[in-house]
């Protein structure tokens, strides 16, 4: 007859040990810091034309650079809805700029 062995006796279980914060890769922290900065800068650049009266060229540049910064952050974090809207923002801005020139 088959003997049933409890799982605790048949498979050794290792307790998980948390990784100390000091061992987290410095490159990962730097990448996160750069992406956060890029996202915030993009947000500010997109909002500036709404709160200030700007020339057409500067409005276009700020919107395009801001949306591009946000797009990069969205791509790296796989936020697909935001990727679509920021891509549309960039394409629409380019179209509007060159169609009305």
N, C-alpha and C. Protein backbone atom coordinates (compact mmCIF):
# COMPACT_ATOMS: atom_id res chain seq x y z
N UNK A 1 0.83 -1.17 0.00
CA UNK A 1 0.00 0.00 0.00
C UNK A 1 0.89 1.25 0.00
N UNK A 2 0.42 2.32 -0.66
CA UNK A 2 1.19 3.55 -0.74
C UNK A 2 1.07 4.34 0.55
N UNK A 3 2.22 4.84 0.97
CA UNK A 3 2.24 5.65 2.17
C UNK A 3 2.18 7.12 1.78
N UNK A 4 1.32 7.89 2.38
CA UNK A 4 1.20 9.31 2.10
C UNK A 4 2.18 10.06 2.99
N UNK A 5 3.05 10.84 2.33
CA UNK A 5 4.04 11.62 3.06
C UNK A 5 3.58 13.07 3.07
N UNK A 6 3.48 13.69 4.22
CA UNK A 6 3.12 15.11 4.25
C UNK A 6 4.17 15.94 3.50
N UNK A 7 3.71 17.01 2.86
CA UNK A 7 4.59 17.85 2.05
C UNK A 7 5.73 18.43 2.89
N UNK A 8 5.46 18.79 4.11
CA UNK A 8 6.49 19.38 4.96
C UNK A 8 7.67 18.43 5.15
N UNK A 9 7.42 17.14 5.15
CA UNK A 9 8.49 16.17 5.36
C UNK A 9 9.20 15.82 4.06
N UNK A 10 8.56 15.94 2.92
CA UNK A 10 9.16 15.50 1.67
C UNK A 10 9.94 16.58 0.94
N UNK A 11 9.56 17.83 1.09
CA UNK A 11 10.21 18.92 0.36
C UNK A 11 10.76 19.91 1.38
N UNK A 12 12.07 20.11 1.37
CA UNK A 12 12.60 21.10 2.29
C UNK A 12 12.16 22.51 1.87
N UNK A 13 11.72 23.28 2.82
CA UNK A 13 11.23 24.63 2.54
C UNK A 13 12.24 25.63 3.09
N UNK A 14 12.70 26.51 2.22
CA UNK A 14 13.61 27.55 2.67
C UNK A 14 12.79 28.79 2.98
N UNK A 15 13.12 29.38 4.08
CA UNK A 15 12.43 30.62 4.42
C UNK A 15 13.01 31.74 3.57
N UNK A 16 12.12 32.61 3.09
CA UNK A 16 12.60 33.72 2.27
C UNK A 16 13.23 34.77 3.17
N UNK A 17 14.34 35.27 2.69
CA UNK A 17 15.06 36.30 3.43
C UNK A 17 14.95 37.58 2.63
N UNK A 18 14.45 38.66 3.23
CA UNK A 18 14.33 39.91 2.48
C UNK A 18 15.72 40.44 2.10
N UNK A 19 15.78 41.00 0.89
CA UNK A 19 17.03 41.58 0.41
C UNK A 19 17.19 42.96 1.02
N UNK A 20 18.34 43.20 1.66
CA UNK A 20 18.54 44.53 2.24
C UNK A 20 18.51 45.62 1.18
N UNK A 21 18.00 46.77 1.55
CA UNK A 21 17.87 47.88 0.63
C UNK A 21 19.22 48.29 0.07
N UNK A 22 20.27 48.17 0.84
CA UNK A 22 21.60 48.60 0.40
C UNK A 22 22.14 47.76 -0.74
N UNK A 23 21.59 46.54 -0.97
CA UNK A 23 22.09 45.70 -2.05
C UNK A 23 21.35 45.91 -3.36
N UNK A 24 20.34 46.78 -3.38
CA UNK A 24 19.61 47.06 -4.62
C UNK A 24 20.55 47.79 -5.56
N UNK A 25 20.53 47.40 -6.80
CA UNK A 25 21.46 47.94 -7.80
C UNK A 25 21.32 49.46 -7.93
N UNK A 26 22.45 50.14 -7.92
CA UNK A 26 22.46 51.60 -8.05
C UNK A 26 21.94 52.04 -9.42
N UNK A 27 22.20 51.25 -10.45
CA UNK A 27 21.73 51.59 -11.79
C UNK A 27 20.22 51.62 -11.84
N UNK A 28 19.57 50.71 -11.13
CA UNK A 28 18.11 50.68 -11.10
C UNK A 28 17.56 51.95 -10.44
N UNK A 29 18.20 52.38 -9.36
CA UNK A 29 17.77 53.60 -8.70
C UNK A 29 17.94 54.80 -9.61
N UNK A 30 19.06 54.85 -10.32
CA UNK A 30 19.33 55.96 -11.22
C UNK A 30 18.33 55.98 -12.37
N UNK A 31 18.03 54.82 -12.93
CA UNK A 31 17.05 54.73 -14.01
C UNK A 31 15.68 55.19 -13.53
N UNK A 32 15.29 54.75 -12.35
CA UNK A 32 14.00 55.16 -11.79
C UNK A 32 13.97 56.67 -11.57
N UNK A 33 15.05 57.22 -11.05
CA UNK A 33 15.13 58.66 -10.81
C UNK A 33 15.03 59.44 -12.12
N UNK A 34 15.73 58.98 -13.15
CA UNK A 34 15.69 59.66 -14.45
C UNK A 34 14.30 59.59 -15.06
N UNK A 35 13.67 58.41 -15.00
CA UNK A 35 12.33 58.27 -15.56
C UNK A 35 11.31 59.12 -14.80
N UNK A 36 11.42 59.18 -13.49
CA UNK A 36 10.51 60.03 -12.71
C UNK A 36 10.70 61.49 -13.09
N UNK A 37 11.94 61.92 -13.22
CA UNK A 37 12.23 63.30 -13.62
C UNK A 37 11.70 63.60 -15.01
N UNK A 38 11.87 62.64 -15.92
CA UNK A 38 11.37 62.82 -17.28
C UNK A 38 9.85 62.92 -17.30
N UNK A 39 9.18 62.12 -16.50
CA UNK A 39 7.72 62.18 -16.42
C UNK A 39 7.22 63.50 -15.87
N UNK A 40 7.83 63.95 -14.79
CA UNK A 40 7.42 65.24 -14.20
C UNK A 40 7.72 66.40 -15.13
N UNK A 41 8.88 66.36 -15.77
CA UNK A 41 9.23 67.42 -16.73
C UNK A 41 8.24 67.43 -17.88
N UNK A 42 7.91 66.25 -18.40
CA UNK A 42 6.93 66.16 -19.47
C UNK A 42 5.57 66.72 -19.07
N UNK A 43 5.15 66.41 -17.85
CA UNK A 43 3.87 66.92 -17.37
C UNK A 43 3.86 68.44 -17.30
N UNK A 44 4.94 69.00 -16.79
CA UNK A 44 5.04 70.46 -16.69
C UNK A 44 5.07 71.10 -18.07
N UNK A 45 5.82 70.49 -19.00
CA UNK A 45 5.91 71.06 -20.36
C UNK A 45 4.56 71.03 -21.07
N UNK A 46 3.79 69.99 -20.86
CA UNK A 46 2.46 69.90 -21.50
C UNK A 46 1.50 70.91 -20.88
N UNK A 47 1.61 71.15 -19.60
CA UNK A 47 0.69 72.08 -18.92
C UNK A 47 1.03 73.55 -19.14
N UNK A 48 2.29 73.87 -19.40
CA UNK A 48 2.70 75.28 -19.56
C UNK A 48 1.89 76.04 -20.61
N UNK A 49 1.66 75.49 -21.81
CA UNK A 49 0.88 76.24 -22.79
C UNK A 49 -0.56 76.54 -22.36
N UNK A 50 -1.08 75.79 -21.40
CA UNK A 50 -2.44 76.04 -20.94
C UNK A 50 -2.54 77.16 -19.93
N UNK A 51 -1.46 77.43 -19.22
CA UNK A 51 -1.50 78.48 -18.22
C UNK A 51 -0.81 79.76 -18.66
N UNK A 52 -0.12 79.70 -19.80
CA UNK A 52 0.58 80.88 -20.31
C UNK A 52 0.19 81.12 -21.76
N UNK A 53 0.27 82.36 -22.17
CA UNK A 53 0.06 82.69 -23.57
C UNK A 53 1.42 82.63 -24.25
N UNK A 54 1.55 81.71 -25.18
CA UNK A 54 2.84 81.49 -25.84
C UNK A 54 2.71 81.64 -27.34
N UNK A 55 3.84 81.86 -27.99
CA UNK A 55 3.85 81.86 -29.45
C UNK A 55 3.54 80.46 -29.95
N UNK A 56 3.09 80.39 -31.17
CA UNK A 56 2.69 79.11 -31.76
C UNK A 56 3.83 78.10 -31.78
N UNK A 57 5.03 78.56 -32.15
CA UNK A 57 6.18 77.64 -32.23
C UNK A 57 6.55 77.10 -30.86
N UNK A 58 6.58 77.97 -29.85
CA UNK A 58 6.94 77.53 -28.50
C UNK A 58 5.87 76.60 -27.93
N UNK A 59 4.62 76.88 -28.22
CA UNK A 59 3.51 76.02 -27.79
C UNK A 59 3.70 74.61 -28.37
N UNK A 60 4.03 74.55 -29.67
CA UNK A 60 4.24 73.27 -30.35
C UNK A 60 5.42 72.52 -29.73
N UNK A 61 6.52 73.21 -29.49
CA UNK A 61 7.72 72.57 -28.95
C UNK A 61 7.46 72.02 -27.55
N UNK A 62 6.83 72.82 -26.69
CA UNK A 62 6.57 72.38 -25.33
C UNK A 62 5.62 71.18 -25.30
N UNK A 63 4.55 71.24 -26.09
CA UNK A 63 3.61 70.12 -26.13
C UNK A 63 4.26 68.85 -26.66
N UNK A 64 5.04 68.99 -27.72
CA UNK A 64 5.68 67.81 -28.33
C UNK A 64 6.72 67.21 -27.40
N UNK A 65 7.58 68.04 -26.82
CA UNK A 65 8.60 67.53 -25.90
C UNK A 65 7.96 66.92 -24.65
N UNK A 66 6.96 67.59 -24.11
CA UNK A 66 6.28 67.07 -22.93
C UNK A 66 5.60 65.74 -23.17
N UNK A 67 4.88 65.65 -24.26
CA UNK A 67 4.19 64.40 -24.59
C UNK A 67 5.19 63.28 -24.89
N UNK A 68 6.33 63.64 -25.48
CA UNK A 68 7.36 62.64 -25.75
C UNK A 68 7.96 62.12 -24.45
N UNK A 69 8.21 63.02 -23.51
CA UNK A 69 8.71 62.59 -22.20
C UNK A 69 7.73 61.67 -21.50
N UNK A 70 6.47 62.03 -21.52
CA UNK A 70 5.44 61.17 -20.92
C UNK A 70 5.33 59.84 -21.66
N UNK A 71 5.47 59.87 -22.98
CA UNK A 71 5.39 58.64 -23.77
C UNK A 71 6.51 57.68 -23.39
N UNK A 72 7.71 58.19 -23.20
CA UNK A 72 8.85 57.34 -22.83
C UNK A 72 8.59 56.67 -21.48
N UNK A 73 8.09 57.43 -20.53
CA UNK A 73 7.79 56.87 -19.21
C UNK A 73 6.69 55.81 -19.32
N UNK A 74 5.67 56.08 -20.12
CA UNK A 74 4.57 55.13 -20.29
C UNK A 74 5.02 53.85 -20.97
N UNK A 75 5.92 53.97 -21.93
CA UNK A 75 6.43 52.77 -22.62
C UNK A 75 7.22 51.90 -21.65
N UNK A 76 8.09 52.53 -20.85
CA UNK A 76 8.90 51.73 -19.92
C UNK A 76 8.07 51.08 -18.82
N UNK A 77 6.94 51.67 -18.46
CA UNK A 77 6.10 51.08 -17.43
C UNK A 77 4.89 50.32 -18.00
N UNK A 78 4.84 50.19 -19.33
CA UNK A 78 3.81 49.42 -20.03
C UNK A 78 2.39 49.88 -19.70
N UNK A 79 2.17 51.19 -19.74
CA UNK A 79 0.84 51.76 -19.51
C UNK A 79 0.24 52.04 -20.90
N UNK A 80 -0.43 51.04 -21.43
CA UNK A 80 -0.85 51.07 -22.83
C UNK A 80 -1.86 52.17 -23.16
N UNK A 81 -2.79 52.44 -22.26
CA UNK A 81 -3.76 53.50 -22.54
C UNK A 81 -3.06 54.85 -22.65
N UNK A 82 -2.12 55.11 -21.78
CA UNK A 82 -1.37 56.36 -21.83
C UNK A 82 -0.45 56.43 -23.04
N UNK A 83 0.07 55.29 -23.47
CA UNK A 83 0.89 55.26 -24.69
C UNK A 83 0.06 55.72 -25.88
N UNK A 84 -1.17 55.23 -25.97
CA UNK A 84 -2.04 55.60 -27.09
C UNK A 84 -2.37 57.09 -27.05
N UNK A 85 -2.75 57.61 -25.89
CA UNK A 85 -3.16 59.02 -25.83
C UNK A 85 -1.97 59.95 -26.05
N UNK A 86 -0.80 59.61 -25.53
CA UNK A 86 0.36 60.47 -25.74
C UNK A 86 0.86 60.41 -27.18
N UNK A 87 0.76 59.24 -27.81
CA UNK A 87 1.11 59.14 -29.23
C UNK A 87 0.15 59.99 -30.07
N UNK A 88 -1.13 59.92 -29.74
CA UNK A 88 -2.11 60.73 -30.46
C UNK A 88 -1.86 62.22 -30.23
N UNK A 89 -1.45 62.58 -29.02
CA UNK A 89 -1.15 63.98 -28.70
C UNK A 89 0.01 64.49 -29.56
N UNK A 90 1.04 63.67 -29.69
CA UNK A 90 2.21 64.05 -30.49
C UNK A 90 1.83 64.16 -31.96
N UNK A 91 1.16 63.15 -32.48
CA UNK A 91 0.78 63.14 -33.90
C UNK A 91 -0.18 64.28 -34.21
N UNK A 92 -1.17 64.49 -33.33
CA UNK A 92 -2.12 65.58 -33.54
C UNK A 92 -1.45 66.94 -33.49
N UNK A 93 -0.50 67.11 -32.57
CA UNK A 93 0.23 68.37 -32.47
C UNK A 93 1.07 68.65 -33.71
N UNK A 94 1.72 67.62 -34.20
CA UNK A 94 2.53 67.78 -35.42
C UNK A 94 1.64 68.11 -36.60
N UNK A 95 0.53 67.40 -36.71
CA UNK A 95 -0.41 67.65 -37.82
C UNK A 95 -0.94 69.08 -37.75
N UNK A 96 -1.39 69.49 -36.56
CA UNK A 96 -1.94 70.83 -36.39
C UNK A 96 -0.90 71.91 -36.71
N UNK A 97 0.32 71.69 -36.31
CA UNK A 97 1.37 72.67 -36.52
C UNK A 97 1.67 72.84 -38.01
N UNK A 98 1.84 71.73 -38.70
CA UNK A 98 2.21 71.83 -40.11
C UNK A 98 1.02 72.06 -41.04
N UNK A 99 -0.18 71.69 -40.64
CA UNK A 99 -1.37 71.91 -41.47
C UNK A 99 -1.76 73.39 -41.49
N UNK A 100 -1.50 74.09 -40.39
CA UNK A 100 -1.88 75.51 -40.30
C UNK A 100 -0.73 76.45 -40.57
N UNK A 101 0.32 75.97 -41.13
CA UNK A 101 1.49 76.82 -41.38
C UNK A 101 1.36 77.63 -42.62
